[in-house]
Amino acid sequence: MNRKNIAVELNTETLPTVEINGKPTYPCLAQEILEDKVFGPRVLRRLNHLLMAHPNGLSESGHDWYFGYLVCAYTQTHYGVKNLLNYPSVTKNLFVLCTQQVA
């Protein structure tokens, strides 16, 4: 149990964070998630499912709901961060990257 706690502490230090207007942002995290062998396909499946369920298109305002769970699961799995501060900045970037791939 102690080893796991140490690993989590080490992993959280590797999450690149930049503060903008007093809020943390994660510059490459959305791209990292999309390129991940496990989470990338999950994100794209989620997007495809949503596109089929909403043939008139998705609104950008729903990006937190669309991808928030996957972003939090990714950061917990890879960095040991359970509650990512300002995670909407990542979900928005992920939404934009996904729509660029679909277009």
N, C-alpha and C. Protein backbone atom coordinates (compact mmCIF):
# COMPACT_ATOMS: atom_id res chain seq x y z
N MET A 1 0.82 -1.19 0.00
CA MET A 1 0.00 0.00 0.00
C MET A 1 0.87 1.26 0.00
N ASN A 2 1.96 1.24 0.73
CA ASN A 2 2.86 2.39 0.74
C ASN A 2 3.50 2.61 -0.62
N ARG A 3 3.85 1.54 -1.32
CA ARG A 3 4.44 1.68 -2.64
C ARG A 3 3.48 2.37 -3.59
N LYS A 4 2.22 1.98 -3.52
CA LYS A 4 1.23 2.60 -4.39
C LYS A 4 1.12 4.10 -4.12
N ASN A 5 1.12 4.49 -2.87
CA ASN A 5 1.05 5.91 -2.53
C ASN A 5 2.27 6.67 -3.04
N ILE A 6 3.43 6.07 -2.97
CA ILE A 6 4.64 6.70 -3.47
C ILE A 6 4.56 6.85 -4.99
N ALA A 7 4.10 5.80 -5.68
CA ALA A 7 3.99 5.86 -7.14
C ALA A 7 3.01 6.94 -7.56
N VAL A 8 1.92 7.07 -6.84
CA VAL A 8 0.94 8.09 -7.17
C VAL A 8 1.56 9.48 -7.03
N GLU A 9 2.31 9.69 -5.96
CA GLU A 9 2.96 10.99 -5.77
C GLU A 9 3.94 11.28 -6.89
N LEU A 10 4.70 10.29 -7.32
CA LEU A 10 5.65 10.50 -8.39
C LEU A 10 4.93 10.78 -9.70
N ASN A 11 3.84 10.09 -9.96
CA ASN A 11 3.10 10.28 -11.20
C ASN A 11 2.47 11.67 -11.29
N THR A 12 1.98 12.19 -10.17
CA THR A 12 1.32 13.49 -10.23
C THR A 12 2.32 14.60 -10.57
N GLU A 13 3.58 14.39 -10.28
CA GLU A 13 4.58 15.40 -10.60
C GLU A 13 4.85 15.47 -12.10
N THR A 14 4.53 14.43 -12.85
CA THR A 14 4.82 14.41 -14.27
C THR A 14 3.70 14.99 -15.12
N LEU A 15 2.58 15.35 -14.52
CA LEU A 15 1.48 15.94 -15.27
C LEU A 15 1.81 17.40 -15.56
N PRO A 16 2.11 17.73 -16.83
CA PRO A 16 2.47 19.11 -17.15
C PRO A 16 1.29 20.06 -16.93
N THR A 17 1.51 21.09 -16.15
CA THR A 17 0.46 22.05 -15.81
C THR A 17 0.97 23.46 -16.05
N VAL A 18 0.13 24.27 -16.68
CA VAL A 18 0.42 25.68 -16.90
C VAL A 18 -0.75 26.46 -16.34
N GLU A 19 -0.46 27.49 -15.57
CA GLU A 19 -1.53 28.29 -14.98
C GLU A 19 -1.84 29.48 -15.89
N ILE A 20 -3.14 29.60 -16.25
CA ILE A 20 -3.60 30.72 -17.07
C ILE A 20 -4.77 31.38 -16.34
N ASN A 21 -4.64 32.67 -16.10
CA ASN A 21 -5.65 33.42 -15.35
C ASN A 21 -5.98 32.77 -14.00
N GLY A 22 -4.97 32.25 -13.36
CA GLY A 22 -5.14 31.64 -12.04
C GLY A 22 -5.72 30.24 -12.05
N LYS A 23 -5.96 29.67 -13.23
CA LYS A 23 -6.52 28.32 -13.34
C LYS A 23 -5.50 27.40 -14.00
N PRO A 24 -5.38 26.18 -13.48
CA PRO A 24 -4.44 25.25 -14.10
C PRO A 24 -4.98 24.76 -15.44
N THR A 25 -4.10 24.65 -16.42
CA THR A 25 -4.43 24.04 -17.70
C THR A 25 -3.38 22.97 -17.98
N TYR A 26 -3.70 22.09 -18.86
CA TYR A 26 -2.84 20.94 -19.13
C TYR A 26 -2.59 20.90 -20.63
N PRO A 27 -1.47 21.50 -21.08
CA PRO A 27 -1.25 21.81 -22.48
C PRO A 27 -1.41 20.66 -23.48
N CYS A 28 -0.91 19.51 -23.20
CA CYS A 28 -0.92 18.42 -24.18
C CYS A 28 -1.78 17.24 -23.75
N LEU A 29 -2.52 17.39 -22.67
CA LEU A 29 -3.24 16.26 -22.11
C LEU A 29 -4.32 15.73 -23.05
N ALA A 30 -5.07 16.59 -23.70
CA ALA A 30 -6.13 16.12 -24.61
C ALA A 30 -5.53 15.30 -25.75
N GLN A 31 -4.45 15.76 -26.31
CA GLN A 31 -3.79 15.02 -27.39
C GLN A 31 -3.25 13.69 -26.87
N GLU A 32 -2.70 13.71 -25.68
CA GLU A 32 -2.17 12.50 -25.05
C GLU A 32 -3.27 11.47 -24.86
N ILE A 33 -4.43 11.90 -24.41
CA ILE A 33 -5.57 11.00 -24.20
C ILE A 33 -6.02 10.43 -25.54
N LEU A 34 -6.13 11.26 -26.54
CA LEU A 34 -6.59 10.82 -27.85
C LEU A 34 -5.62 9.84 -28.49
N GLU A 35 -4.33 9.99 -28.22
CA GLU A 35 -3.32 9.09 -28.79
C GLU A 35 -3.11 7.83 -27.96
N ASP A 36 -3.68 7.76 -26.77
CA ASP A 36 -3.53 6.59 -25.90
C ASP A 36 -4.18 5.38 -26.54
N LYS A 37 -3.53 4.23 -26.43
CA LYS A 37 -4.03 3.00 -27.06
C LYS A 37 -5.34 2.51 -26.47
N VAL A 38 -5.59 2.80 -25.21
CA VAL A 38 -6.82 2.36 -24.56
C VAL A 38 -7.87 3.47 -24.57
N PHE A 39 -7.50 4.66 -24.15
CA PHE A 39 -8.48 5.73 -23.99
C PHE A 39 -8.84 6.41 -25.31
N GLY A 40 -7.92 6.48 -26.26
CA GLY A 40 -8.20 7.10 -27.55
C GLY A 40 -9.39 6.45 -28.26
N PRO A 41 -9.37 5.13 -28.41
CA PRO A 41 -10.51 4.48 -29.04
C PRO A 41 -11.81 4.64 -28.24
N ARG A 42 -11.71 4.71 -26.93
CA ARG A 42 -12.91 4.93 -26.11
C ARG A 42 -13.51 6.30 -26.39
N VAL A 43 -12.65 7.30 -26.50
CA VAL A 43 -13.12 8.66 -26.78
C VAL A 43 -13.81 8.69 -28.14
N LEU A 44 -13.18 8.08 -29.14
CA LEU A 44 -13.75 8.09 -30.49
C LEU A 44 -15.05 7.29 -30.56
N ARG A 45 -15.12 6.16 -29.83
CA ARG A 45 -16.39 5.41 -29.77
C ARG A 45 -17.47 6.25 -29.14
N ARG A 46 -17.12 6.95 -28.07
CA ARG A 46 -18.09 7.82 -27.40
C ARG A 46 -18.57 8.91 -28.36
N LEU A 47 -17.66 9.49 -29.09
CA LEU A 47 -18.03 10.52 -30.05
C LEU A 47 -18.93 9.96 -31.14
N ASN A 48 -18.58 8.81 -31.69
CA ASN A 48 -19.41 8.19 -32.74
C ASN A 48 -20.80 7.86 -32.23
N HIS A 49 -20.87 7.34 -31.02
CA HIS A 49 -22.17 7.02 -30.42
C HIS A 49 -23.00 8.30 -30.26
N LEU A 50 -22.37 9.35 -29.80
CA LEU A 50 -23.07 10.62 -29.62
C LEU A 50 -23.52 11.22 -30.95
N LEU A 51 -22.69 11.09 -31.97
CA LEU A 51 -23.07 11.61 -33.29
C LEU A 51 -24.27 10.85 -33.85
N MET A 52 -24.32 9.55 -33.61
CA MET A 52 -25.47 8.77 -34.07
C MET A 52 -26.72 9.13 -33.27
N ALA A 53 -26.56 9.40 -31.99
CA ALA A 53 -27.70 9.74 -31.13
C ALA A 53 -28.19 11.17 -31.37
N HIS A 54 -27.31 12.02 -31.89
CA HIS A 54 -27.65 13.43 -32.13
C HIS A 54 -27.31 13.78 -33.59
N PRO A 55 -28.13 13.34 -34.53
CA PRO A 55 -27.80 13.56 -35.95
C PRO A 55 -27.75 15.03 -36.35
N ASN A 56 -28.35 15.91 -35.56
CA ASN A 56 -28.30 17.34 -35.87
C ASN A 56 -27.00 17.98 -35.41
N GLY A 57 -26.14 17.22 -34.75
CA GLY A 57 -24.85 17.72 -34.31
C GLY A 57 -24.77 17.89 -32.80
N LEU A 58 -23.55 18.00 -32.33
CA LEU A 58 -23.28 18.17 -30.91
C LEU A 58 -22.95 19.63 -30.64
N SER A 59 -23.31 20.08 -29.47
CA SER A 59 -22.94 21.44 -29.10
C SER A 59 -21.64 21.41 -28.31
N GLU A 60 -20.84 22.42 -28.50
CA GLU A 60 -19.58 22.49 -27.77
C GLU A 60 -19.82 22.60 -26.28
N SER A 61 -20.95 23.14 -25.87
CA SER A 61 -21.21 23.30 -24.44
C SER A 61 -21.35 21.97 -23.72
N GLY A 62 -21.51 20.88 -24.44
CA GLY A 62 -21.65 19.57 -23.81
C GLY A 62 -20.36 18.81 -23.64
N HIS A 63 -19.22 19.43 -23.97
CA HIS A 63 -17.97 18.69 -23.96
C HIS A 63 -17.64 18.10 -22.59
N ASP A 64 -17.99 18.80 -21.50
CA ASP A 64 -17.71 18.26 -20.17
C ASP A 64 -18.46 16.96 -19.95
N TRP A 65 -19.70 16.97 -20.35
CA TRP A 65 -20.52 15.77 -20.18
C TRP A 65 -20.06 14.66 -21.12
N TYR A 66 -19.68 15.01 -22.34
CA TYR A 66 -19.28 14.01 -23.32
C TYR A 66 -18.00 13.29 -22.91
N PHE A 67 -17.02 14.05 -22.42
CA PHE A 67 -15.68 13.49 -22.21
C PHE A 67 -15.15 13.58 -20.79
N GLY A 68 -15.86 14.20 -19.88
CA GLY A 68 -15.36 14.41 -18.52
C GLY A 68 -14.97 13.14 -17.80
N TYR A 69 -15.81 12.11 -17.92
CA TYR A 69 -15.52 10.84 -17.24
C TYR A 69 -14.23 10.24 -17.77
N LEU A 70 -14.05 10.25 -19.08
CA LEU A 70 -12.86 9.65 -19.66
C LEU A 70 -11.60 10.43 -19.31
N VAL A 71 -11.70 11.74 -19.25
CA VAL A 71 -10.55 12.57 -18.86
C VAL A 71 -10.15 12.25 -17.42
N CYS A 72 -11.14 12.20 -16.53
CA CYS A 72 -10.84 11.90 -15.13
C CYS A 72 -10.31 10.48 -14.95
N ALA A 73 -10.85 9.53 -15.70
CA ALA A 73 -10.36 8.15 -15.61
C ALA A 73 -8.92 8.06 -16.11
N TYR A 74 -8.63 8.79 -17.18
CA TYR A 74 -7.27 8.77 -17.72
C TYR A 74 -6.27 9.34 -16.72
N THR A 75 -6.58 10.50 -16.16
CA THR A 75 -5.63 11.12 -15.24
C THR A 75 -5.47 10.31 -13.96
N GLN A 76 -6.54 9.63 -13.54
CA GLN A 76 -6.40 8.78 -12.36
C GLN A 76 -5.54 7.57 -12.69
N THR A 77 -5.74 6.98 -13.85
CA THR A 77 -4.98 5.79 -14.25
C THR A 77 -3.51 6.10 -14.49
N HIS A 78 -3.22 7.18 -15.19
CA HIS A 78 -1.85 7.46 -15.61
C HIS A 78 -1.08 8.38 -14.68
N TYR A 79 -1.78 9.23 -13.92
CA TYR A 79 -1.09 10.18 -13.07
C TYR A 79 -1.47 10.09 -11.60
N GLY A 80 -2.46 9.28 -11.26
CA GLY A 80 -2.89 9.16 -9.88
C GLY A 80 -3.68 10.36 -9.39
N VAL A 81 -4.20 11.17 -10.30
CA VAL A 81 -4.97 12.36 -9.95
C VAL A 81 -6.45 12.01 -10.04
N LYS A 82 -7.12 11.99 -8.89
CA LYS A 82 -8.54 11.62 -8.88
C LYS A 82 -9.44 12.77 -9.34
N ASN A 83 -9.18 13.96 -8.86
CA ASN A 83 -10.00 15.12 -9.20
C ASN A 83 -9.13 16.16 -9.88
N LEU A 84 -9.15 16.15 -11.19
CA LEU A 84 -8.34 17.08 -11.97
C LEU A 84 -8.95 18.47 -11.88
N LEU A 85 -8.16 19.41 -11.39
CA LEU A 85 -8.63 20.79 -11.31
C LEU A 85 -8.80 21.36 -12.71
N ASN A 86 -9.87 22.09 -12.92
CA ASN A 86 -10.15 22.72 -14.21
C ASN A 86 -10.16 21.70 -15.36
N TYR A 87 -10.76 20.55 -15.12
CA TYR A 87 -10.81 19.53 -16.17
C TYR A 87 -11.59 20.00 -17.41
N PRO A 88 -12.52 20.99 -17.31
CA PRO A 88 -13.20 21.44 -18.53
C PRO A 88 -12.24 21.98 -19.60
N SER A 89 -11.07 22.49 -19.19
CA SER A 89 -10.12 22.95 -20.19
C SER A 89 -9.64 21.78 -21.05
N VAL A 90 -9.51 20.60 -20.44
CA VAL A 90 -9.08 19.42 -21.19
C VAL A 90 -10.23 18.86 -22.02
N THR A 91 -11.44 18.83 -21.46
CA THR A 91 -12.56 18.28 -22.22
C THR A 91 -12.86 19.15 -23.44
N LYS A 92 -12.68 20.45 -23.31
CA LYS A 92 -12.90 21.33 -24.46
C LYS A 92 -11.87 21.06 -25.55
N ASN A 93 -10.61 20.94 -25.17
CA ASN A 93 -9.56 20.61 -26.14
C ASN A 93 -9.81 19.26 -26.79
N LEU A 94 -10.26 18.31 -26.00
CA LEU A 94 -10.55 16.98 -26.52
C LEU A 94 -11.70 17.03 -27.53
N PHE A 95 -12.72 17.81 -27.22
CA PHE A 95 -13.85 17.99 -28.12
C PHE A 95 -13.38 18.58 -29.45
N VAL A 96 -12.54 19.60 -29.39
CA VAL A 96 -12.04 20.25 -30.61
C VAL A 96 -11.21 19.27 -31.43
N LEU A 97 -10.32 18.51 -30.77
CA LEU A 97 -9.50 17.53 -31.48
C LEU A 97 -10.36 16.46 -32.16
N CYS A 98 -11.38 16.01 -31.46
CA CYS A 98 -12.26 14.99 -32.03
C CYS A 98 -13.02 15.51 -33.24
N THR A 99 -13.54 16.71 -33.13
CA THR A 99 -14.30 17.26 -34.25
C THR A 99 -13.38 17.51 -35.46
N GLN A 100 -12.12 17.83 -35.21
CA GLN A 100 -11.18 18.00 -36.31
C GLN A 100 -10.91 16.67 -37.00
N GLN A 101 -10.86 15.58 -36.23
CA GLN A 101 -10.63 14.26 -36.82
C GLN A 101 -11.83 13.80 -37.63
N VAL A 102 -13.02 14.14 -37.16
CA VAL A 102 -14.24 13.71 -37.84
C VAL A 102 -14.44 14.49 -39.14
N ALA A 103 -14.04 15.77 -39.12
CA ALA A 103 -14.27 16.65 -40.29
C ALA A 103 -13.48 16.23 -41.51
